[in-house]
Amino acid sequence: MPQQHDLEPHRDGTAQRLNWLRAGVLGANDGIVSVAALVVGVAGATTNTAVILTAGVAALVGGGISMALGEYVSVSSQRDSERALIAKERRELLESPEEELAELAGIYRSKGLSEETSWQVATELTKHDALAAHLSAELNIVENDVASPWHAAFASAVAFLIGGLLPLIVILLPPAAWRVPATFVVVLIALAATGLVGAHLGGSSRLTAAVRVVVGGALALIVTFAIGALLGTTGIV
C-alpha cells in the first residue's frame, strides 16, 4: 500500500504553475473583453472592414504588451517581497537560533500540540531544515517555489493574444449586418468558459464566476457599441 506522502502532490513548482495559469486565464479574459469591446464599438460607427481590422490589431498588440508588462511588474514586486522575507528569516536563524526555535515551538503549540510535542516537532524540523520549517510555519512560503515574473508575463501576453484574436476574427467573417450579433454570442460563450476555468483554478463557485464575467462582458459590449453607433449616426466619425 502506498504511503500517504506518495499520494499527495509535491509543492515544488506549485506557486509558479498556479501563477502562470492565473495569469493565462486573466489574460485570455481581458483579451476577449478588450478587443471585442473595441471592435464592436468601431463596428457601431462604421462598416469599413479595414478600419475595424486596424483598430482590432492595434488593440491586440497594445493590449498584449500592456498585459505582459503589468504582470511582470506585479509578480516582480511579489517575488522581491518573498525574497526579502526569506533573507530576513535566514538572518534571524543565524543571529538568534534559540529564540527562533522557541518561536517555532510556540507556533505549533498555538495549533493545538502539547508543550512537549511542539518542542519535539520544532527541534526535529530545525535539525532537518530550519529555514524551510520557519518559512512554512510562519510565512507559508517555499524557498524554491517563488513565482517567476517572466512566466506570468509570457502566459498573460500569449493568453491575451489568443483571447483577443477570437472576437477580431469573428467580427470580420460575417456580412456587415451580422458582425455585431455574431461577436456578442461568441464572446459571451468564450467569457463563460474563461469564468469556469478561473473558478476551477481558484476553487470558487463556477456558476457565480461565469455569470460575473458574462454580465461584465455584455455590459462592456453594449456600452461601446452604443457609443460607436452614436458617433456614427451623428457624423462625428
Protein backbone atom coordinates (compact mmCIF):
# COMPACT_ATOMS: atom_id res chain seq x y z
CA MET A 1 0.00 0.00 0.00
CA PRO A 2 1.49 3.41 -0.96
CA GLN A 3 2.45 5.76 1.80
CA GLN A 4 0.39 8.93 2.35
CA HIS A 5 3.15 11.22 1.13
CA ASP A 6 3.27 9.28 -2.16
CA LEU A 7 -0.38 10.15 -2.78
CA GLU A 8 -0.02 13.86 -2.17
CA PRO A 9 1.22 16.31 -4.83
CA HIS A 10 4.64 17.82 -4.33
CA ARG A 11 4.67 21.52 -3.57
CA ASP A 12 7.79 22.27 -5.60
CA GLY A 13 6.76 24.49 -8.50
CA THR A 14 3.12 24.75 -7.42
CA ALA A 15 3.15 28.50 -6.96
CA GLN A 16 4.78 29.06 -10.33
CA ARG A 17 2.31 26.78 -12.12
CA LEU A 18 -0.68 28.41 -10.45
CA ASN A 19 0.83 31.82 -11.14
CA TRP A 20 1.09 31.39 -14.89
CA LEU A 21 -2.26 29.58 -15.05
CA ARG A 22 -3.90 32.50 -13.24
CA ALA A 23 -2.13 34.98 -15.50
CA GLY A 24 -3.19 32.98 -18.54
CA VAL A 25 -6.86 32.88 -17.59
CA LEU A 26 -6.94 36.57 -16.71
CA GLY A 27 -5.05 37.44 -19.90
CA ALA A 28 -7.47 35.49 -22.08
CA ASN A 29 -10.45 37.08 -20.36
CA ASP A 30 -9.01 40.58 -20.78
CA GLY A 31 -8.11 39.90 -24.39
CA ILE A 32 -11.63 38.78 -25.21
CA VAL A 33 -13.31 41.72 -23.50
CA SER A 34 -10.87 44.46 -24.54
CA VAL A 35 -10.62 43.60 -28.21
CA ALA A 36 -14.29 42.70 -28.52
CA ALA A 37 -15.40 45.94 -26.90
CA LEU A 38 -13.16 47.98 -29.20
CA VAL A 39 -14.09 46.28 -32.48
CA VAL A 40 -17.79 46.27 -31.59
CA GLY A 41 -17.57 49.97 -30.81
CA VAL A 42 -15.85 50.67 -34.13
CA ALA A 43 -18.37 48.45 -35.94
CA GLY A 44 -21.13 50.52 -34.40
CA ALA A 45 -19.67 53.60 -36.05
CA THR A 46 -18.61 52.19 -39.42
CA THR A 47 -18.89 49.09 -41.58
CA ASN A 48 -15.46 49.68 -43.14
CA THR A 49 -13.62 46.39 -42.75
CA ALA A 50 -10.17 47.96 -43.00
CA VAL A 51 -10.93 50.37 -40.16
CA ILE A 52 -12.27 47.59 -37.93
CA LEU A 53 -9.25 45.39 -38.70
CA THR A 54 -6.79 48.21 -37.99
CA ALA A 55 -8.43 49.04 -34.67
CA GLY A 56 -8.57 45.37 -33.68
CA VAL A 57 -4.93 44.67 -34.48
CA ALA A 58 -3.84 47.78 -32.61
CA ALA A 59 -5.86 46.71 -29.57
CA LEU A 60 -4.46 43.18 -29.81
CA VAL A 61 -0.80 44.22 -29.95
CA GLY A 62 -1.04 47.09 -27.49
CA GLY A 63 -3.11 45.08 -25.03
CA GLY A 64 -0.77 42.08 -25.16
CA ILE A 65 2.24 44.25 -24.40
CA SER A 66 0.38 46.05 -21.63
CA MET A 67 -0.76 42.80 -20.01
CA ALA A 68 2.75 41.34 -20.11
CA LEU A 69 4.26 44.47 -18.58
CA GLY A 70 1.61 44.65 -15.89
CA GLU A 71 2.06 41.02 -14.89
CA TYR A 72 5.84 41.35 -14.88
CA VAL A 73 5.77 44.37 -12.58
CA SER A 74 3.16 42.86 -10.27
CA VAL A 75 4.81 39.46 -9.89
CA SER A 76 8.27 41.03 -9.62
CA SER A 77 7.07 43.01 -6.61
CA GLN A 78 5.64 39.85 -5.07
CA ARG A 79 8.87 37.94 -5.74
CA ASP A 80 11.00 40.71 -4.25
CA SER A 81 8.87 40.75 -1.10
CA GLU A 82 9.12 36.99 -0.71
CA ARG A 83 12.88 37.03 -1.23
CA ALA A 84 13.23 39.78 1.36
CA LEU A 85 11.25 37.72 3.87
CA ILE A 86 13.39 34.66 3.15
CA ALA A 87 16.60 36.66 3.66
CA LYS A 88 15.24 38.11 6.90
CA GLU A 89 14.36 34.67 8.23
CA ARG A 90 17.75 33.27 7.27
CA ARG A 91 19.47 36.15 9.09
CA GLU A 92 17.36 35.66 12.23
CA LEU A 93 18.21 31.96 12.29
CA LEU A 94 21.92 32.79 12.21
CA GLU A 95 21.73 35.56 14.82
CA SER A 96 19.27 34.06 17.32
CA PRO A 97 18.68 30.34 16.72
CA GLU A 98 17.36 29.65 20.22
CA GLU A 99 14.72 32.40 20.01
CA GLU A 100 13.70 31.14 16.58
CA LEU A 101 13.37 27.59 17.89
CA ALA A 102 11.16 28.82 20.73
CA GLU A 103 9.08 30.80 18.22
CA LEU A 104 8.61 27.73 16.04
CA ALA A 105 7.57 25.63 19.03
CA GLY A 106 5.11 28.35 20.01
CA ILE A 107 3.54 28.24 16.54
CA TYR A 108 2.90 24.52 16.81
CA ARG A 109 1.67 24.92 20.38
CA SER A 110 -0.86 27.51 19.19
CA LYS A 111 -2.13 24.96 16.68
CA GLY A 112 -3.06 22.54 19.45
CA LEU A 113 0.05 20.48 20.12
CA SER A 114 1.15 19.88 23.66
CA GLU A 115 4.18 21.66 25.11
CA GLU A 116 6.34 18.56 24.83
CA THR A 117 5.19 17.62 21.35
CA SER A 118 5.54 21.16 19.99
CA TRP A 119 9.15 21.33 21.18
CA GLN A 120 9.89 17.90 19.75
CA VAL A 121 8.41 18.78 16.36
CA ALA A 122 10.20 22.15 16.27
CA THR A 123 13.52 20.56 17.23
CA GLU A 124 13.32 17.78 14.65
CA LEU A 125 12.22 20.12 11.86
CA THR A 126 15.01 22.54 12.75
CA LYS A 127 17.59 19.76 12.56
CA HIS A 128 16.25 18.71 9.16
CA ASP A 129 15.89 22.17 7.56
CA ALA A 130 15.47 25.12 9.89
CA LEU A 131 14.84 27.69 7.17
CA ALA A 132 12.22 25.61 5.40
CA ALA A 133 10.47 24.90 8.69
CA HIS A 134 10.20 28.58 9.60
CA LEU A 135 9.21 29.71 6.12
CA SER A 136 6.42 27.15 6.02
CA ALA A 137 5.12 27.68 9.55
CA GLU A 138 5.45 31.47 9.74
CA LEU A 139 5.09 32.72 6.18
CA ASN A 140 3.64 29.81 4.16
CA ILE A 141 6.49 30.20 1.67
CA VAL A 142 8.53 27.51 -0.07
CA GLU A 143 12.01 28.84 -0.86
CA ASN A 144 12.31 27.19 -4.28
CA ASP A 145 8.72 27.95 -5.26
CA VAL A 146 8.86 31.73 -5.58
CA ALA A 147 6.76 32.95 -8.50
CA SER A 148 8.51 33.86 -11.75
CA PRO A 149 7.55 37.23 -13.30
CA TRP A 150 8.73 36.09 -16.73
CA HIS A 151 6.41 33.08 -16.70
CA ALA A 152 3.48 35.25 -15.67
CA ALA A 153 4.27 37.91 -18.29
CA PHE A 154 4.61 35.38 -21.10
CA ALA A 155 1.46 33.49 -20.13
CA SER A 156 -0.55 36.70 -19.84
CA ALA A 157 0.61 38.08 -23.18
CA VAL A 158 0.04 34.84 -25.10
CA ALA A 159 -3.36 34.32 -23.49
CA PHE A 160 -4.37 37.91 -24.27
CA LEU A 161 -3.40 37.46 -27.92
CA ILE A 162 -5.29 34.17 -28.20
CA GLY A 163 -8.35 35.56 -26.44
CA GLY A 164 -8.27 38.80 -28.44
CA LEU A 165 -7.97 37.00 -31.78
CA LEU A 166 -11.36 35.38 -31.24
CA PRO A 167 -13.57 38.49 -31.44
CA LEU A 168 -11.32 40.02 -34.11
CA ILE A 169 -11.78 37.02 -36.40
CA VAL A 170 -15.49 36.66 -35.65
CA ILE A 171 -16.34 40.29 -36.44
CA LEU A 172 -14.54 40.16 -39.79
CA LEU A 173 -16.07 36.95 -41.16
CA PRO A 174 -19.85 37.54 -41.36
CA PRO A 175 -21.68 40.09 -43.51
CA ALA A 176 -21.82 43.60 -42.01
CA ALA A 177 -25.36 43.13 -40.67
CA TRP A 178 -24.36 40.03 -38.67
CA ARG A 179 -20.99 41.16 -37.37
CA VAL A 180 -22.06 42.59 -34.04
CA PRO A 181 -24.65 39.90 -33.12
CA ALA A 182 -22.21 37.10 -34.00
CA THR A 183 -19.47 38.73 -31.96
CA PHE A 184 -21.80 39.14 -28.99
CA VAL A 185 -22.73 35.46 -28.99
CA VAL A 186 -19.21 34.08 -29.45
CA VAL A 187 -17.66 36.48 -26.93
CA LEU A 188 -20.20 35.69 -24.21
CA ILE A 189 -19.69 31.96 -24.70
CA ALA A 190 -15.92 32.41 -24.52
CA LEU A 191 -16.22 34.55 -21.38
CA ALA A 192 -18.37 31.91 -19.72
CA ALA A 193 -15.65 29.36 -20.49
CA THR A 194 -12.87 31.52 -19.01
CA GLY A 195 -15.03 32.16 -15.96
CA LEU A 196 -15.48 28.43 -15.42
CA VAL A 197 -11.76 27.76 -15.80
CA GLY A 198 -10.87 30.59 -13.42
CA ALA A 199 -13.34 29.34 -10.84
CA HIS A 200 -11.95 25.82 -11.13
CA LEU A 201 -8.40 27.04 -10.53
CA GLY A 202 -9.49 29.19 -7.61
CA GLY A 203 -11.86 26.66 -6.10
CA SER A 204 -14.81 29.08 -6.14
CA SER A 205 -18.36 28.81 -7.45
CA ARG A 206 -18.29 28.14 -11.19
CA LEU A 207 -21.77 29.48 -11.83
CA THR A 208 -21.09 32.72 -9.98
CA ALA A 209 -17.80 33.26 -11.79
CA ALA A 210 -19.31 32.54 -15.20
CA VAL A 211 -22.26 34.87 -14.63
CA ARG A 212 -19.99 37.60 -13.33
CA VAL A 213 -17.71 37.69 -16.37
CA VAL A 214 -20.57 37.24 -18.84
CA VAL A 215 -22.57 40.12 -17.38
CA GLY A 216 -19.48 42.34 -17.22
CA GLY A 217 -18.52 41.50 -20.80
CA ALA A 218 -22.05 42.07 -22.06
CA LEU A 219 -22.16 45.50 -20.42
CA ALA A 220 -18.82 46.43 -21.99
CA LEU A 221 -20.00 45.39 -25.44
CA ILE A 222 -23.34 47.20 -25.11
CA VAL A 223 -21.77 50.44 -23.92
CA THR A 224 -19.04 50.53 -26.58
CA PHE A 225 -21.45 49.63 -29.36
CA ALA A 226 -23.86 52.34 -28.21
CA ILE A 227 -21.08 54.92 -28.17
CA GLY A 228 -19.84 53.85 -31.59
CA ALA A 229 -23.36 53.93 -33.05
CA LEU A 230 -23.95 57.37 -31.55
CA LEU A 231 -20.74 58.75 -33.01
CA GLY A 232 -21.52 57.18 -36.36
CA THR A 233 -25.08 58.49 -36.62
CA THR A 234 -24.12 61.99 -35.55
CA GLY A 235 -21.46 62.16 -38.22
CA ILE A 236 -18.61 62.79 -35.77
CA VAL A 237 -16.71 59.83 -37.24
